[in-house]
Protein backbone atom coordinates (compact mmCIF):
# COMPACT_ATOMS: atom_id res chain seq x y z
CA MET A 1 -33.26 -0.61 -86.11
CA LYS A 2 -30.67 -0.82 -88.42
CA PRO A 3 -27.26 0.72 -87.36
CA VAL A 4 -26.32 3.91 -88.97
CA THR A 5 -24.36 3.54 -91.87
CA ALA A 6 -21.24 5.99 -92.56
CA THR A 7 -17.46 6.07 -93.41
CA PRO A 8 -15.55 7.27 -90.69
CA ALA A 9 -13.19 10.15 -91.24
CA MET A 10 -10.09 11.12 -89.33
CA GLY A 11 -9.85 15.09 -89.59
CA THR A 12 -8.40 17.82 -87.56
CA HIS A 13 -10.82 19.86 -85.42
CA GLN A 14 -9.20 23.18 -85.08
CA GLY A 15 -9.95 25.61 -81.99
CA PRO A 16 -9.46 26.10 -78.37
CA HIS A 17 -10.32 23.34 -76.14
CA THR A 18 -12.79 24.25 -73.52
CA ARG A 19 -13.64 22.04 -70.17
CA LEU A 20 -17.12 21.39 -68.96
CA SER A 21 -16.34 23.20 -66.09
CA ASP A 22 -15.36 26.67 -67.97
CA LEU A 23 -19.08 26.61 -69.78
CA PRO A 24 -22.03 28.36 -68.29
CA GLY A 25 -24.25 25.44 -68.40
CA ALA A 26 -25.91 22.34 -70.49
CA GLU A 27 -26.76 23.83 -73.48
CA ALA A 28 -23.52 25.03 -73.73
CA ALA A 29 -21.63 22.24 -72.80
CA LEU A 30 -23.83 19.93 -75.05
CA PHE A 31 -23.00 22.79 -78.07
CA ASP A 32 -19.27 22.44 -77.18
CA LEU A 33 -19.31 18.64 -77.42
CA CYS A 34 -21.69 18.30 -80.79
CA ARG A 35 -19.60 21.31 -82.48
CA PRO A 36 -17.38 18.92 -84.69
CA PHE A 37 -19.93 17.10 -86.22
CA ALA A 38 -22.49 19.45 -86.44
CA PRO A 39 -23.47 21.69 -89.46
CA ALA A 40 -22.68 25.86 -89.43
CA ASP A 41 -25.97 26.53 -88.36
CA PHE A 42 -26.76 23.77 -85.69
CA VAL A 43 -28.53 24.93 -82.47
CA PRO A 44 -28.91 22.03 -79.91
CA GLU A 45 -32.27 21.56 -78.76
CA CYS A 46 -32.78 19.75 -75.16
CA THR A 47 -34.31 19.95 -71.82
CA LEU A 48 -32.70 19.61 -68.73
CA VAL A 49 -34.23 16.92 -66.23
CA GLN A 50 -33.93 16.02 -62.99
CA PRO A 51 -33.27 11.96 -62.08
CA ASP A 52 -36.55 11.83 -61.04
CA GLN A 53 -38.23 12.78 -64.15
CA ILE A 54 -36.41 10.29 -66.50
CA PRO A 55 -38.80 7.38 -67.01
CA PHE A 56 -38.18 3.93 -66.29
CA PRO A 57 -35.90 2.00 -67.87
CA GLN A 58 -33.89 5.29 -69.08
CA ASP A 59 -33.22 6.17 -65.45
CA GLN A 60 -31.63 2.98 -64.59
CA LEU A 61 -29.39 3.03 -67.85
CA LEU A 62 -28.22 6.74 -66.97
CA VAL A 63 -28.35 7.65 -63.20
CA HIS A 64 -25.23 6.05 -62.01
CA HIS A 65 -21.73 6.54 -61.60
CA GLN A 66 -20.46 3.48 -63.54
CA HIS A 67 -19.00 3.51 -67.05
CA MET A 68 -22.17 3.05 -69.70
CA THR A 69 -20.51 0.22 -70.90
CA VAL A 70 -20.64 -1.83 -68.11
CA VAL A 71 -24.39 -0.97 -67.55
CA LEU A 72 -25.50 -1.31 -70.92
CA GLU A 73 -23.72 -5.02 -71.01
CA LYS A 74 -25.60 -5.95 -67.68
CA TYR A 75 -28.88 -5.06 -68.82
CA HIS A 76 -28.47 -6.04 -72.60
CA GLY A 77 -27.17 -9.44 -71.07
CA ALA A 78 -24.18 -8.98 -73.98
CA PRO A 79 -20.91 -6.98 -74.29
CA VAL A 80 -21.50 -4.27 -76.25
CA GLU A 81 -19.23 -3.27 -79.84
CA VAL A 82 -18.23 0.25 -80.55
CA HIS A 83 -18.61 1.25 -83.97
CA VAL A 84 -17.12 5.01 -84.60
CA LEU A 85 -19.08 7.43 -87.12
CA GLU A 86 -16.40 10.16 -87.31
CA GLU A 87 -13.38 11.12 -85.26
CA HIS A 88 -11.15 14.09 -85.02
CA LEU A 89 -7.52 14.57 -83.58
CA ASP A 90 -6.07 17.74 -83.08
CA GLY A 91 -2.83 17.40 -80.92
CA ASP A 92 -3.98 15.48 -77.80
CA ILE A 93 -7.69 16.39 -78.11
CA TYR A 94 -9.69 13.34 -79.71
CA THR A 95 -13.20 13.69 -80.36
CA ARG A 96 -15.26 11.21 -81.82
CA LYS A 97 -18.93 10.35 -82.76
CA ILE A 98 -20.10 6.48 -81.63
CA TYR A 99 -22.95 4.11 -81.35
CA LEU A 100 -22.91 0.86 -79.49
CA THR A 101 -24.41 -2.28 -80.21
CA PRO A 102 -24.83 -5.51 -78.25
CA ARG A 103 -22.36 -8.20 -79.93
CA GLY A 104 -24.10 -10.40 -82.33
CA GLY A 105 -26.98 -7.90 -83.03
CA ASP A 106 -27.61 -4.79 -85.10
CA LYS A 107 -29.65 -3.00 -82.62
CA VAL A 108 -28.34 0.58 -81.12
CA VAL A 109 -28.45 0.96 -77.78
CA GLU A 110 -26.55 4.04 -77.43
CA TRP A 111 -25.32 7.48 -79.31
CA GLY A 112 -22.51 9.09 -77.97
CA ILE A 113 -19.89 11.47 -78.48
CA VAL A 114 -16.81 11.50 -76.40
CA LYS A 115 -13.85 14.06 -76.18
CA LEU A 116 -10.45 12.90 -74.72
CA ASP A 117 -7.47 14.68 -73.76
CA PHE A 118 -4.61 12.16 -74.40
CA GLN A 119 -2.13 14.21 -72.15
CA TYR A 120 -3.74 12.22 -68.73
CA MET A 121 -3.39 8.91 -70.66
CA ALA A 122 -0.51 6.31 -71.14
CA PRO A 123 0.52 5.53 -74.69
CA GLU A 124 -0.71 2.16 -74.68
CA VAL A 125 -4.27 3.45 -73.39
CA ARG A 126 -4.14 6.21 -76.13
CA ASP A 127 -3.31 3.27 -78.59
CA GLU A 128 -6.19 0.95 -77.94
CA ILE A 129 -8.40 3.96 -77.73
CA LEU A 130 -7.57 4.93 -81.47
CA ALA A 131 -7.74 1.27 -82.37
CA LYS A 132 -11.50 1.48 -82.22
CA ARG A 133 -11.90 -2.50 -81.27
CA LEU A 134 -13.11 -1.92 -77.79
CA PRO A 135 -15.87 0.69 -76.27
CA LEU A 136 -13.79 3.71 -73.96
CA GLY A 137 -15.07 2.09 -70.69
CA ALA A 138 -13.51 -1.41 -71.35
CA VAL A 139 -10.22 0.08 -72.36
CA LEU A 140 -10.04 1.78 -69.21
CA ILE A 141 -11.16 -1.04 -67.31
CA LYS A 142 -8.97 -3.39 -69.18
CA HIS A 143 -5.54 -1.22 -68.32
CA ASP A 144 -6.79 -0.56 -64.97
CA VAL A 145 -6.95 3.21 -64.94
CA LEU A 146 -8.33 5.07 -61.83
CA ARG A 147 -11.37 6.57 -62.99
CA ARG A 148 -14.18 8.59 -61.69
CA VAL A 149 -17.20 9.07 -63.58
CA LYS A 150 -19.37 12.22 -62.37
CA PRO A 151 -22.48 12.59 -64.35
CA ARG A 152 -23.27 16.72 -64.63
CA TRP A 153 -26.53 17.04 -66.39
CA PHE A 154 -29.34 14.48 -67.56
CA LEU A 155 -31.15 15.93 -70.83
CA ARG A 156 -34.49 15.08 -72.53
CA PHE A 157 -33.82 15.35 -76.44
CA PRO A 158 -37.03 15.75 -78.48
CA GLU A 159 -38.44 13.51 -81.45
CA GLY A 160 -36.38 14.36 -83.95
CA GLY A 161 -34.54 16.99 -83.20
CA PRO A 162 -31.22 18.30 -83.95
CA VAL A 163 -29.03 16.04 -81.70
CA VAL A 164 -30.75 13.00 -82.95
CA GLY A 165 -30.06 14.26 -86.32
CA LEU A 166 -26.66 13.81 -85.69
CA PHE A 167 -26.72 10.02 -85.43
CA ARG A 168 -29.79 9.37 -87.85
CA ALA A 169 -29.48 10.44 -91.22
CA LYS A 170 -33.43 10.28 -91.38
CA ALA A 171 -34.07 11.46 -87.61
CA ARG A 172 -36.83 13.85 -88.17
CA GLY A 173 -40.23 11.78 -87.17
CA SER A 174 -38.36 8.76 -87.03
CA GLU A 175 -37.29 8.63 -83.26
CA ASP A 176 -38.76 9.00 -79.90
CA ALA A 177 -37.53 11.29 -77.62
CA ALA A 178 -34.50 10.23 -76.20
CA TYR A 179 -32.94 10.50 -73.02
CA GLY A 180 -29.14 11.54 -71.97
CA ARG A 181 -26.41 12.77 -70.07
CA ILE A 182 -23.53 14.55 -70.44
CA GLY A 183 -20.56 14.23 -67.73
CA THR A 184 -16.67 14.01 -66.80
CA ILE A 185 -14.88 10.90 -66.62
CA TYR A 186 -11.63 11.74 -64.40
CA CYS A 187 -8.84 9.73 -65.00
CA ASN A 188 -5.91 9.38 -62.15
CA GLU A 189 -8.25 12.60 -60.96
CA GLU A 190 -7.57 14.47 -63.87
CA PRO A 191 -10.79 15.43 -65.90
CA ALA A 192 -9.41 13.50 -69.26
CA ILE A 193 -12.84 12.78 -70.59
CA GLU A 194 -15.87 14.45 -71.47
CA VAL A 195 -18.72 12.63 -72.93
CA ILE A 196 -22.63 12.75 -74.23
CA GLU A 197 -24.23 9.23 -73.73
CA ILE A 198 -27.96 8.96 -75.12
CA VAL A 199 -29.75 5.73 -74.59
CA VAL A 200 -32.08 4.48 -77.18
CA ASN A 201 -33.85 1.39 -78.09
CA CYS A 202 -34.19 0.36 -74.00
CA GLU A 203 -36.82 -2.17 -74.57
CA LYS A 204 -35.66 -5.90 -74.49
């Protein structure tokens, strides 16, 4: 599968910063994270699932407390590279829509949306994240940031649904159902990062 082709655009997303812990559930969290990249009429479509309802090998890639960067690199046997499709910076709040590919190939293995609060990060960590040369997990590991990954919800996204459509220009009818998770990454025990991570193309 060819990567999604897009030109990253830096813009300003206005609006209050809401934490996952402030939201009533998975759908509200999904909407909040997708909102900067979605059309005005966007309505997320997903099914909340338990870990034992996630098929193999997606369960191995999602049901853990590690950085997805580490797990994907081990599974696919190569370092992964980050590709930023769109990004927004509003004060200390930085959000971006990305996909990951194994180095040397064009197979997309993860779609993701990340919201970071830079007030909890050192300037050198912020600068390297904004440089977009390494995946987020690799940056945090490189700078030895004390971190804790906490998955909150596991989700199934229907074939050609609106969330999948945020990542694929021709999503409808062109992609099987996908599985993902929403979670928080604590940096030095502060809720610094919120993520949607969707694994795709899991065959080796």
